[in-house]
Amino acid sequence: MSTIASGTTTASLWEWSRTAHGQRTFLVHLDEQGNRIELSYAEMAARIHRCAHAFVELGVGFGDTVLLQLRNTPTMLATLFGLAEIGAIAVPLGMGASAAEINRAIRRTSCAWIVVEADRLECHRTALVGQPDVRAVLVAGAPSAQPSMPCPTLALDTLVEGQADSPVQAPLNSETVTEILYTSGSTAAPKGVLITQGNLVFSGQYGVWQTSLRPDDRLLTTMPACHSNFQLAALTPVLVAGATLVMVERYSAHSYWETVRTERATVIQLISMMARTMLLQPPNPLDAQHSVREVQYFIAISDEEKAAFEQRFGLHLMNCYGSTESIGWALTDPPVGERRWPSVGRPGLGYQVGIFDEDGHQLDPHQVGEIRIKGIPGHSLTIGYHDDPRTTRQALSPDGWLCTGDQGYCDEDGWFYFVDRRIDMIKRAGENISATEVETVLSAHPLIAEAAVVALPDSLRDATVKAFVRPVPGAILTARQVIDHCAEHLNSYKVPELVELVDHFPRTESMKIAKAELSRLSLSPCKKTNQPFERNI
């Protein structure tokens, strides 16, 4: 079936962009040390082509998999698009991936080449034990020390230098698989989502519509480059629109808003953690003086937090819902017109969305069920999971419906409301409890900076509700205060029975709280009291 992405690849997009926008700024990169560089569309295209030729010279071919562990840098973008240009498949991992996770990704995806930041070499030396099929490790930057590696280690810059600036010709089409993007793993084991050339192009066209992106826009993001939020909702829309991407290497609550103002960003991306930490910063008379016209927002905050954020910064959030598998934010506030917070919007262009029961019957308005998204696999939806046909069959129906596993409902006017991830729906003594609802109540407490709620096994009532709470810095907070606050705002069966005060949360690369890790720590029989998850009740 034909879509707006049919017949277009990232290689043809870059060739068009180089011709149409050659001297226009494509990328502004801000690193952790405060260094700033700008690259035009022509300069970025040349870097991509040189990377493509370097990979071909190494023997990387069509359909080969290459693992990437790179920061938010121009090198990451050049490598990503360079691999796509030759029809190879990138496997991006976050900078926090452990040796065991790297080892597992190499085995699962049969990567024979690795591109890695210099300061991660030691981790990869451990990860490569028992991996004889890895042919080379390409190093971005200069390592402070050179660990003994079980395979050749090559300097990426040296390989790329002197390569041709012209495109590599490869037999690409919309259906060519170009990436295996791992889901964040915030609540369960990450899954390798297959991303095609058509998916990347569609995401760009969709993002342009969703945020009304124009060539004079400057989209600023701190999302990690290995994640779909960055690639499918920031990077590709900027490329399609001929706009400018402001890529910040790492989010800092202290400096973020000043960066947004200084860089004249017109579109930004936010998650709840960012909004909350921004509100914790000292107010500045200049907070509402900026160029931002649209805030693409994911993950819930309370009504009070939203009101305080929008009033202080003079903004209106664009709420939306989607996943790596759905490619675009299939439910979204429209770019113009009415918005119905806390609704996550209505189906965007190219999507159908419905609410279904466990038997696959579509439900009436205001009935809670599973959110399912209909699109075209390979364009507006993924084609499935890497080397996992069983999970693919469970997630994708033959007629193009994606089973998200998330709970929600719609109203009689077609506006959709997110209730919770299926895995975050806690069933306790026959009652359904939304972890998100409890977390929203907890986060509304003036002394609580952030909260996460998980279910623990209970032999009598199926589940015990446990809350992890990070207090506002300097605040004195007790577990009893937390429970009393919940009791004041929630039905008694939703009130957490256990509370643990923490200094910080384990996080995924996309900055979500890693709930699976919280549950594991809670069930561990040997938890050291000097760890950040010290029990307070």
Protein backbone atom coordinates (compact mmCIF):
# COMPACT_ATOMS: atom_id res chain seq x y z
CA MET A 1 0.00 0.00 0.00
CA SER A 2 1.32 3.43 -0.94
CA THR A 3 1.87 6.22 1.62
CA ILE A 4 3.54 9.60 1.68
CA ALA A 5 6.81 7.74 2.42
CA SER A 6 6.65 5.38 -0.56
CA GLY A 7 9.63 5.40 -2.89
CA THR A 8 11.73 7.63 -0.66
CA THR A 9 14.76 6.65 1.40
CA THR A 10 16.99 8.52 3.82
CA ALA A 11 19.67 8.58 1.10
CA SER A 12 17.34 10.29 -1.37
CA LEU A 13 16.14 12.66 1.39
CA TRP A 14 19.71 13.72 2.09
CA GLU A 15 20.46 14.21 -1.60
CA TRP A 16 17.39 16.42 -1.95
CA SER A 17 18.21 18.34 1.25
CA ARG A 18 21.82 18.92 0.17
CA THR A 19 20.57 20.41 -3.10
CA ALA A 20 17.65 22.40 -1.65
CA HIS A 21 19.15 23.58 1.66
CA GLY A 22 22.91 23.21 1.16
CA GLN A 23 24.14 26.21 3.17
CA ARG A 24 21.27 26.28 5.66
CA THR A 25 22.20 25.15 9.19
CA PHE A 26 21.12 21.56 9.76
CA LEU A 27 22.75 20.91 13.14
CA VAL A 28 23.75 22.88 16.20
CA HIS A 29 25.59 20.61 18.62
CA LEU A 30 26.15 21.54 22.28
CA ASP A 31 28.40 19.20 24.25
CA GLU A 32 28.69 18.76 28.01
CA GLN A 33 31.69 21.13 28.19
CA GLY A 34 29.72 23.96 26.60
CA ASN A 35 31.37 23.69 23.17
CA ARG A 36 29.16 24.59 20.24
CA ILE A 37 29.48 23.70 16.56
CA GLU A 38 27.23 24.24 13.56
CA LEU A 39 26.99 22.10 10.43
CA SER A 40 25.12 22.98 7.25
CA TYR A 41 23.07 20.47 5.28
CA ALA A 42 25.90 20.22 2.74
CA GLU A 43 28.52 19.65 5.44
CA MET A 44 26.43 16.99 7.17
CA ALA A 45 25.71 15.21 3.88
CA ALA A 46 29.45 15.11 3.15
CA ARG A 47 30.15 13.56 6.56
CA ILE A 48 27.47 10.95 5.96
CA HIS A 49 28.90 10.00 2.56
CA ARG A 50 32.43 9.73 3.95
CA CYS A 51 31.16 7.43 6.71
CA ALA A 52 29.32 5.31 4.14
CA HIS A 53 32.46 4.87 2.02
CA ALA A 54 34.51 4.02 5.14
CA PHE A 55 32.08 1.26 6.11
CA VAL A 56 32.14 -0.17 2.59
CA GLU A 57 35.94 -0.18 2.69
CA LEU A 58 35.79 -2.16 5.94
CA GLY A 59 33.60 -4.77 4.31
CA VAL A 60 30.25 -3.77 5.83
CA GLY A 61 27.58 -4.72 3.32
CA PHE A 62 23.87 -4.59 2.66
CA GLY A 63 21.94 -6.14 5.58
CA ASP A 64 24.95 -6.34 7.91
CA THR A 65 24.38 -5.25 11.51
CA VAL A 66 26.61 -2.68 13.25
CA LEU A 67 26.30 -1.91 16.96
CA LEU A 68 26.54 1.77 17.94
CA GLN A 69 27.23 3.16 21.38
CA LEU A 70 27.66 6.85 20.74
CA ARG A 71 26.63 10.04 22.47
CA ASN A 72 24.43 12.81 21.06
CA THR A 73 27.12 13.96 18.63
CA PRO A 74 27.52 14.72 14.91
CA THR A 75 29.45 11.44 14.68
CA MET A 76 26.38 9.52 15.82
CA LEU A 77 24.25 11.12 13.10
CA ALA A 78 26.85 10.65 10.37
CA THR A 79 27.31 7.01 11.37
CA LEU A 80 23.58 6.33 11.56
CA PHE A 81 22.79 7.80 8.15
CA GLY A 82 26.01 6.46 6.65
CA LEU A 83 24.99 2.91 7.51
CA ALA A 84 21.49 3.57 6.17
CA GLU A 85 23.01 4.81 2.89
CA ILE A 86 24.69 1.45 2.21
CA GLY A 87 21.73 -0.65 3.38
CA ALA A 88 23.40 -1.82 6.60
CA ILE A 89 21.44 -2.08 9.86
CA ALA A 90 22.35 0.07 12.87
CA VAL A 91 21.82 -1.29 16.39
CA PRO A 92 22.05 1.78 18.67
CA LEU A 93 22.50 1.28 22.41
CA GLY A 94 22.45 3.86 25.17
CA MET A 95 25.60 5.07 26.86
CA GLY A 96 24.55 3.38 30.09
CA ALA A 97 24.37 -0.10 28.59
CA SER A 98 26.33 -2.59 30.68
CA ALA A 99 28.84 -5.14 29.38
CA ALA A 100 26.21 -7.87 29.80
CA GLU A 101 23.64 -5.86 27.81
CA ILE A 102 26.17 -5.15 25.05
CA ASN A 103 27.12 -8.82 24.93
CA ARG A 104 23.47 -9.80 24.67
CA ALA A 105 22.80 -7.29 21.87
CA ILE A 106 25.80 -8.54 19.88
CA ARG A 107 24.60 -12.13 20.18
CA ARG A 108 20.97 -11.34 19.38
CA THR A 109 21.72 -9.22 16.31
CA SER A 110 24.93 -10.93 15.08
CA CYS A 111 26.87 -7.66 14.94
CA ALA A 112 30.29 -8.04 13.34
CA TRP A 113 31.31 -4.38 13.76
CA ILE A 114 31.02 -1.99 16.71
CA VAL A 115 31.31 1.81 16.79
CA VAL A 116 31.91 3.08 20.30
CA GLU A 117 32.97 6.14 22.27
CA ALA A 118 36.57 5.94 23.45
CA ASP A 119 35.65 6.03 27.14
CA ARG A 120 33.49 2.90 26.73
CA LEU A 121 36.28 0.69 25.38
CA GLU A 122 36.95 -1.06 28.67
CA CYS A 123 33.28 -2.03 28.97
CA HIS A 124 33.36 -3.42 25.44
CA ARG A 125 36.51 -5.40 26.18
CA THR A 126 34.50 -7.26 28.80
CA ALA A 127 31.45 -7.52 26.53
CA LEU A 128 33.44 -9.08 23.70
CA VAL A 129 34.50 -12.11 25.73
CA GLY A 130 33.13 -15.12 23.86
CA GLN A 131 32.25 -13.08 20.76
CA PRO A 132 34.68 -14.36 18.09
CA ASP A 133 32.58 -13.10 15.17
CA VAL A 134 33.14 -9.39 15.88
CA ARG A 135 35.58 -8.27 13.20
CA ALA A 136 36.50 -4.75 14.38
CA VAL A 137 35.78 -2.06 16.96
CA LEU A 138 35.76 1.50 15.58
CA VAL A 139 36.57 4.12 18.20
CA ALA A 140 35.13 7.65 18.17
CA GLY A 141 37.57 10.01 19.87
CA ALA A 142 40.93 9.36 21.48
CA PRO A 143 41.02 6.82 24.34
CA SER A 144 42.93 7.84 27.47
CA ALA A 145 44.22 4.27 27.66
CA GLN A 146 44.12 1.46 25.13
CA PRO A 147 42.79 -1.77 26.66
CA SER A 148 43.78 -5.04 25.04
CA MET A 149 40.86 -5.96 22.81
CA PRO A 150 40.07 -9.42 21.39
CA CYS A 151 39.65 -7.95 17.88
CA PRO A 152 41.21 -5.08 15.87
CA THR A 153 40.57 -1.57 17.22
CA LEU A 154 40.50 1.20 14.63
CA ALA A 155 40.19 5.00 14.88
CA LEU A 156 36.93 6.05 13.24
CA ASP A 157 38.19 9.54 12.32
CA THR A 158 41.21 8.06 10.54
CA LEU A 159 39.01 5.68 8.55
CA VAL A 160 36.62 8.45 7.50
CA GLU A 161 39.27 11.04 6.65
CA GLY A 162 39.94 11.31 2.94
CA GLN A 163 36.90 9.30 1.86
CA ALA A 164 34.79 10.54 -1.05
CA ASP A 165 32.03 13.10 -0.45
CA SER A 166 29.77 11.49 -3.05
CA PRO A 167 26.89 9.13 -2.17
CA VAL A 168 27.30 5.36 -2.14
CA GLN A 169 24.79 3.74 -4.47
CA ALA A 170 22.92 0.83 -2.85
CA PRO A 171 19.71 -1.03 -3.77
CA LEU A 172 17.53 0.70 -1.17
CA ASN A 173 13.73 0.91 -1.07
CA SER A 174 11.05 1.74 1.47
CA GLU A 175 11.04 -1.81 2.84
CA THR A 176 14.80 -1.97 3.52
CA VAL A 177 15.42 -2.53 7.25
CA THR A 178 17.77 0.16 8.49
CA GLU A 179 17.71 -0.12 12.31
CA ILE A 180 16.96 -2.33 15.26
CA LEU A 181 15.75 0.13 17.89
CA TYR A 182 15.48 -1.30 21.37
CA THR A 183 12.52 -0.21 23.48
CA SER A 184 13.40 1.67 26.68
CA GLY A 185 12.90 -1.28 29.02
CA SER A 186 11.31 0.94 31.69
CA THR A 187 8.87 -1.76 32.75
CA ALA A 188 10.04 -4.95 31.02
CA ALA A 189 12.87 -6.47 28.99
CA PRO A 190 13.75 -4.34 25.92
CA LYS A 191 12.58 -5.61 22.53
CA GLY A 192 14.36 -5.00 19.22
CA VAL A 193 11.95 -3.04 17.00
CA LEU A 194 12.65 -3.27 13.27
CA ILE A 195 12.75 0.15 11.57
CA THR A 196 12.61 0.42 7.78
CA GLN A 197 13.59 3.21 5.42
CA GLY A 198 9.86 3.80 4.95
CA ASN A 199 9.41 4.12 8.72
CA LEU A 200 12.10 6.80 8.95
CA VAL A 201 10.69 8.81 6.04
CA PHE A 202 7.10 8.49 7.30
CA SER A 203 8.13 9.63 10.79
CA GLY A 204 9.67 12.73 9.28
CA GLN A 205 6.61 13.62 7.24
CA TYR A 206 4.32 12.89 10.20
CA GLY A 207 6.40 15.01 12.59
CA VAL A 208 6.30 17.93 10.16
CA TRP A 209 2.50 17.78 10.18
CA GLN A 210 2.20 17.24 13.93
CA THR A 211 4.25 20.29 14.94
CA SER A 212 3.70 22.40 11.78
CA LEU A 213 7.47 22.33 11.32
CA ARG A 214 8.90 24.87 8.88
CA PRO A 215 12.37 25.52 7.43
CA ASP A 216 12.88 28.46 9.81
CA ASP A 217 12.15 26.33 12.90
CA ARG A 218 14.80 25.31 15.42
CA LEU A 219 13.89 22.05 17.17
CA LEU A 220 15.85 21.56 20.40
CA THR A 221 16.10 18.14 21.99
CA THR A 222 18.00 16.49 24.84
CA MET A 223 16.57 13.02 24.13
CA PRO A 224 19.23 10.31 23.66
CA ALA A 225 20.11 9.68 20.02
CA CYS A 226 19.65 5.93 20.45
CA HIS A 227 15.95 6.38 21.22
CA SER A 228 12.84 6.76 19.08
CA ASN A 229 11.88 10.10 20.71
CA PHE A 230 15.01 11.61 19.22
CA GLN A 231 15.14 9.81 15.89
CA LEU A 232 11.48 9.61 14.88
CA ALA A 233 10.08 12.79 16.45
CA ALA A 234 13.01 15.21 16.16
CA LEU A 235 15.74 14.13 13.75
CA THR A 236 13.70 12.95 10.77
CA PRO A 237 11.08 15.76 10.94
CA VAL A 238 13.90 18.34 10.91
CA LEU A 239 15.45 16.65 7.87
CA VAL A 240 12.16 16.54 5.97
CA ALA A 241 11.30 20.15 6.82
CA GLY A 242 14.74 21.57 6.09
CA ALA A 243 14.76 22.99 9.63
CA THR A 244 17.58 23.16 12.22
CA LEU A 245 18.19 20.52 14.89
CA VAL A 246 19.67 21.79 18.15
CA MET A 247 21.13 18.65 19.73
CA VAL A 248 22.09 18.98 23.40
CA GLU A 249 24.40 16.21 24.57
CA ARG A 250 22.88 15.92 28.04
CA TYR A 251 19.93 17.42 29.89
CA SER A 252 20.74 19.71 32.81
CA ALA A 253 17.87 21.23 34.77
CA HIS A 254 20.15 24.08 35.83
CA SER A 255 21.05 25.22 32.30
CA TYR A 256 18.31 23.80 30.07
CA TRP A 257 15.95 26.76 29.86
CA GLU A 258 18.74 29.26 29.33
CA THR A 259 19.92 27.07 26.44
CA VAL A 260 16.40 27.02 24.98
CA ARG A 261 16.28 30.82 25.15
CA THR A 262 19.82 31.42 23.89
CA GLU A 263 19.45 29.01 20.94
CA ARG A 264 16.09 30.59 19.97
CA ALA A 265 14.41 27.17 19.94
CA THR A 266 10.91 27.21 18.47
CA VAL A 267 9.98 23.55 19.15
CA ILE A 268 11.16 21.49 22.12
CA GLN A 269 10.59 18.00 23.55
CA LEU A 270 9.72 17.39 27.20
CA ILE A 271 9.01 14.49 29.53
CA SER A 272 7.59 14.74 33.05
CA MET A 273 10.97 14.54 34.77
CA MET A 274 12.14 17.56 32.81
CA ALA A 275 9.04 19.62 33.53
CA ARG A 276 9.26 18.85 37.25
CA THR A 277 12.95 19.61 37.58
CA MET A 278 12.50 22.84 35.64
CA LEU A 279 9.84 23.91 38.14
CA LEU A 280 12.30 23.25 40.97
CA GLN A 281 14.75 25.84 39.57
CA PRO A 282 14.67 29.39 40.98
CA PRO A 283 12.19 31.53 39.01
CA ASN A 284 13.69 33.99 36.55
CA PRO A 285 11.90 37.14 35.31
CA LEU A 286 12.91 36.06 31.80
CA ASP A 287 11.34 32.58 32.00
CA ALA A 288 8.43 33.52 29.72
CA GLN A 289 10.60 35.44 27.23
CA HIS A 290 11.54 32.90 24.57
CA SER A 291 10.85 31.80 20.99
CA VAL A 292 9.15 28.47 21.74
CA ARG A 293 5.79 27.99 20.00
CA GLU A 294 5.32 24.23 20.51
CA VAL A 295 6.19 21.76 23.28
CA GLN A 296 5.93 18.12 22.27
CA TYR A 297 5.13 16.41 25.56
CA PHE A 298 5.13 12.77 26.64
CA ILE A 299 4.18 11.11 29.97
CA ALA A 300 1.68 12.42 32.53
CA ILE A 301 1.99 15.16 35.10
CA SER A 302 -0.69 16.42 37.44
CA ASP A 303 -3.13 19.17 36.51
CA GLU A 304 -1.46 21.42 39.10
CA GLU A 305 2.01 20.81 37.69
CA LYS A 306 0.82 21.46 34.15
CA ALA A 307 -0.86 24.72 35.16
CA ALA A 308 2.20 25.90 37.10
CA PHE A 309 4.55 24.99 34.24
CA GLU A 310 2.49 26.64 31.52
CA GLN A 311 1.92 29.81 33.55
CA ARG A 312 5.58 30.21 34.54
CA PHE A 313 7.06 29.53 31.10
CA GLY A 314 4.25 30.94 28.96
CA LEU A 315 3.69 27.70 27.05
CA HIS A 316 0.99 25.20 26.11
CA LEU A 317 1.89 21.52 26.06
CA MET A 318 1.13 19.36 23.02
CA ASN A 319 0.14 16.06 24.63
CA CYS A 320 0.61 12.92 22.58
CA TYR A 321 0.89 9.14 22.81
CA GLY A 322 2.78 6.52 20.85
CA SER A 323 5.63 4.04 21.01
CA THR A 324 8.67 2.91 19.08
CA GLU A 325 6.40 0.37 17.38
CA SER A 326 3.89 3.01 16.26
CA ILE A 327 6.67 5.11 14.63
CA GLY A 328 4.74 8.40 14.93
CA TRP A 329 2.82 9.72 17.94
CA ALA A 330 -0.37 8.09 16.70
CA LEU A 331 -2.51 10.00 19.18
CA THR A 332 -1.76 13.69 19.41
CA ASP A 333 -3.17 17.09 20.13
CA PRO A 334 -3.76 18.66 16.71
CA PRO A 335 -1.26 21.28 15.53
CA VAL A 336 -4.06 23.88 15.61
CA GLY A 337 -7.41 24.02 17.35
CA GLU A 338 -8.86 22.55 20.51
CA ARG A 339 -6.89 20.54 23.06
CA ARG A 340 -8.52 18.60 25.89
CA TRP A 341 -5.99 17.96 28.64
CA PRO A 342 -5.53 15.34 30.04
CA SER A 343 -6.51 13.76 26.73
CA VAL A 344 -3.55 12.51 24.68
CA GLY A 345 -5.34 13.73 21.59
CA ARG A 346 -7.01 12.19 18.59
CA PRO A 347 -5.67 9.85 15.88
CA GLY A 348 -3.10 11.60 13.71
CA LEU A 349 -2.87 11.50 9.92
CA GLY A 350 -2.45 7.96 8.63
CA TYR A 351 -3.65 6.22 11.79
CA GLN A 352 -6.79 4.65 13.21
CA VAL A 353 -7.05 4.08 16.96
CA GLY A 354 -9.58 2.05 18.92
CA ILE A 355 -10.21 0.71 22.43
CA PHE A 356 -10.64 -3.07 22.62
CA ASP A 357 -11.46 -5.69 25.23
CA GLU A 358 -9.45 -8.89 25.76
CA ASP A 359 -11.56 -10.72 23.18
CA GLY A 360 -10.79 -8.17 20.47
CA HIS A 361 -14.18 -6.40 20.54
CA GLN A 362 -14.14 -2.63 20.17
CA LEU A 363 -15.52 -0.86 23.24
CA ASP A 364 -17.93 2.04 23.59
CA PRO A 365 -16.89 5.52 24.76
CA HIS A 366 -15.67 5.77 28.38
CA GLN A 367 -15.02 2.02 28.66
CA VAL A 368 -11.41 1.26 29.60
CA GLY A 369 -9.61 -1.27 27.43
CA GLU A 370 -6.49 -1.81 25.35
CA ILE A 371 -5.35 0.96 23.02
CA ARG A 372 -4.82 -0.47 19.54
CA ILE A 373 -3.37 1.42 16.59
CA LYS A 374 -3.98 0.65 12.92
CA GLY A 375 -1.47 1.67 10.30
CA ILE A 376 0.74 0.26 7.57
CA PRO A 377 3.62 -1.98 8.71
CA GLY A 378 6.89 -0.73 7.28
CA HIS A 379 5.58 2.83 7.01
CA SER A 380 3.39 4.05 9.90
CA LEU A 381 4.04 0.92 12.02
CA THR A 382 7.01 -1.33 12.59
CA ILE A 383 7.14 -4.60 10.65
CA GLY A 384 7.85 -6.44 13.92
CA TYR A 385 10.55 -7.46 16.35
CA HIS A 386 13.98 -8.73 15.43
CA ASP A 387 14.25 -12.51 15.47
CA ASP A 388 11.04 -12.81 17.49
CA PRO A 389 8.15 -13.99 15.27
CA ARG A 390 6.03 -15.06 18.25
CA THR A 391 6.05 -11.61 19.87
CA THR A 392 5.54 -10.04 16.45
CA ARG A 393 2.39 -12.14 15.89
CA GLN A 394 1.10 -11.15 19.34
CA ALA A 395 1.67 -7.44 18.68
CA LEU A 396 0.66 -7.10 15.01
CA SER A 397 -2.57 -8.51 13.60
CA PRO A 398 -2.76 -9.56 9.93
CA ASP A 399 -5.04 -6.59 9.18
CA GLY A 400 -2.57 -4.00 10.53
CA TRP A 401 -3.65 -3.43 14.14
CA LEU A 402 -0.87 -2.90 16.68
CA CYS A 403 -1.70 -4.22 20.16
CA THR A 404 0.01 -1.75 22.48
CA GLY A 405 -0.78 -3.45 25.78
CA ASP A 406 -1.66 0.00 27.18
CA GLN A 407 -4.95 0.89 28.80
CA GLY A 408 -7.12 3.85 27.88
CA TYR A 409 -10.54 5.06 26.78
CA CYS A 410 -12.07 7.57 24.41
CA ASP A 411 -14.95 9.98 24.84
CA GLU A 412 -17.97 10.40 22.59
CA ASP A 413 -16.15 13.08 20.56
CA GLY A 414 -13.21 10.85 19.68
CA TRP A 415 -10.65 12.22 22.17
CA PHE A 416 -8.49 9.53 23.76
CA TYR A 417 -7.28 9.28 27.35
CA PHE A 418 -4.32 7.23 28.53
CA VAL A 419 -4.93 5.29 31.74
CA ASP A 420 -1.78 3.22 32.19
CA ARG A 421 0.62 0.75 30.72
CA ARG A 422 -0.82 -2.73 31.05
CA ILE A 423 2.15 -3.72 33.15
CA ASP A 424 1.45 -0.70 35.40
CA MET A 425 -2.15 -1.76 36.06
CA ILE A 426 -2.04 -3.30 39.53
CA LYS A 427 -4.76 -5.79 40.44
CA ARG A 428 -5.17 -5.87 44.21
CA ALA A 429 -7.91 -7.95 45.84
CA GLY A 430 -9.99 -7.78 42.66
CA GLU A 431 -9.61 -4.01 42.23
CA ASN A 432 -7.69 -2.36 39.39
CA ILE A 433 -5.21 0.33 40.44
CA SER A 434 -3.45 2.63 38.00
CA ALA A 435 0.16 3.14 39.07
CA THR A 436 0.17 6.37 37.04
CA GLU A 437 -2.79 7.74 39.00
CA VAL A 438 -1.04 7.05 42.31
CA GLU A 439 2.20 8.56 40.99
CA THR A 440 0.35 11.70 39.91
CA VAL A 441 -1.12 12.12 43.40
CA LEU A 442 2.29 11.55 44.99
CA SER A 443 4.01 14.08 42.70
CA ALA A 444 1.44 16.72 43.66
CA HIS A 445 2.80 16.73 47.24
CA PRO A 446 4.93 19.89 47.67
CA LEU A 447 7.82 17.94 49.25
CA ILE A 448 7.93 15.18 46.61
CA ALA A 449 10.05 15.75 43.52
CA GLU A 450 9.33 12.42 41.82
CA ALA A 451 7.62 9.11 42.51
CA ALA A 452 7.24 5.62 41.08
CA VAL A 453 4.76 2.91 42.06
CA VAL A 454 5.20 -0.83 41.56
CA ALA A 455 3.36 -3.99 42.55
CA LEU A 456 4.94 -6.64 44.76
CA PRO A 457 3.54 -10.18 45.18
CA ASP A 458 1.05 -10.70 47.99
CA SER A 459 -0.25 -14.20 48.77
CA LEU A 460 -3.55 -12.88 50.16
CA ARG A 461 -4.48 -9.93 47.93
CA ASP A 462 -2.46 -10.71 44.78
CA ALA A 463 -0.42 -7.53 45.02
CA THR A 464 1.03 -5.04 47.47
CA VAL A 465 1.32 -1.43 46.28
CA LYS A 466 4.75 0.05 46.91
CA ALA A 467 5.73 3.68 46.34
CA PHE A 468 9.26 4.92 45.78
CA VAL A 469 9.54 8.61 46.56
CA ARG A 470 12.34 11.10 45.89
CA PRO A 471 11.88 14.14 48.15
CA VAL A 472 12.55 17.69 47.05
CA PRO A 473 16.22 18.49 47.86
CA GLY A 474 16.53 19.55 51.50
CA ALA A 475 12.98 18.50 52.39
CA ILE A 476 12.26 16.48 55.52
CA LEU A 477 9.67 13.87 54.61
CA THR A 478 8.50 10.70 56.32
CA ALA A 479 6.82 7.60 54.95
CA ARG A 480 3.81 8.29 57.18
CA GLN A 481 3.35 11.72 55.59
CA VAL A 482 3.40 10.09 52.17
CA ILE A 483 0.75 7.54 53.12
CA ASP A 484 -1.44 10.17 54.78
CA HIS A 485 -1.24 12.34 51.64
CA CYS A 486 -2.35 9.43 49.47
CA ALA A 487 -5.17 8.55 51.86
CA GLU A 488 -6.46 12.11 51.54
CA HIS A 489 -6.63 11.99 47.73
CA LEU A 490 -7.20 8.33 46.81
CA ASN A 491 -9.68 5.57 47.46
CA SER A 492 -8.38 3.47 50.35
CA TYR A 493 -7.59 0.42 48.18
CA LYS A 494 -5.23 2.55 46.05
CA VAL A 495 -3.13 3.83 48.95
CA PRO A 496 0.41 2.36 48.99
CA GLU A 497 1.18 -0.02 51.84
CA LEU A 498 4.93 0.35 51.49
CA VAL A 499 6.94 3.52 51.00
CA GLU A 500 10.63 3.83 50.32
CA LEU A 501 12.39 7.21 50.27
CA VAL A 502 15.20 7.36 47.71
CA ASP A 503 17.96 9.76 46.71
CA HIS A 504 17.65 8.99 43.02
CA PHE A 505 16.04 6.56 40.58
CA PRO A 506 17.57 4.06 38.18
CA ARG A 507 16.74 5.26 34.68
CA THR A 508 16.54 4.03 31.14
CA GLU A 509 18.41 5.82 28.35
CA SER A 510 15.24 7.78 27.55
CA MET A 511 15.27 9.11 31.16
CA LYS A 512 12.25 7.09 32.23
CA ILE A 513 12.32 5.49 35.66
CA ALA A 514 13.38 1.85 35.31
CA LYS A 515 10.52 0.22 37.19
CA ALA A 516 11.70 -3.29 36.42
CA GLU A 517 14.89 -2.47 38.34
CA LEU A 518 12.88 -1.05 41.26
CA SER A 519 10.82 -4.24 41.46
CA ARG A 520 13.94 -6.38 41.30
CA LEU A 521 15.61 -4.40 44.09
CA SER A 522 12.48 -4.67 46.24
CA LEU A 523 12.41 -8.46 45.89
CA SER A 524 16.14 -8.92 46.48
CA PRO A 525 16.78 -10.77 49.74
CA CYS A 526 20.16 -9.07 50.25
CA LYS A 527 19.77 -5.34 49.90
CA LYS A 528 22.59 -3.26 51.37
CA THR A 529 21.45 -0.37 53.53
CA ASN A 530 24.09 1.95 52.04
CA GLN A 531 22.53 1.74 48.58
CA PRO A 532 20.33 4.62 47.32
CA PHE A 533 17.18 2.54 47.86
CA GLU A 534 17.31 2.51 51.66
CA ARG A 535 14.09 1.30 53.31
CA ASN A 536 12.24 3.87 55.38
CA ILE A 537 9.17 1.87 56.36
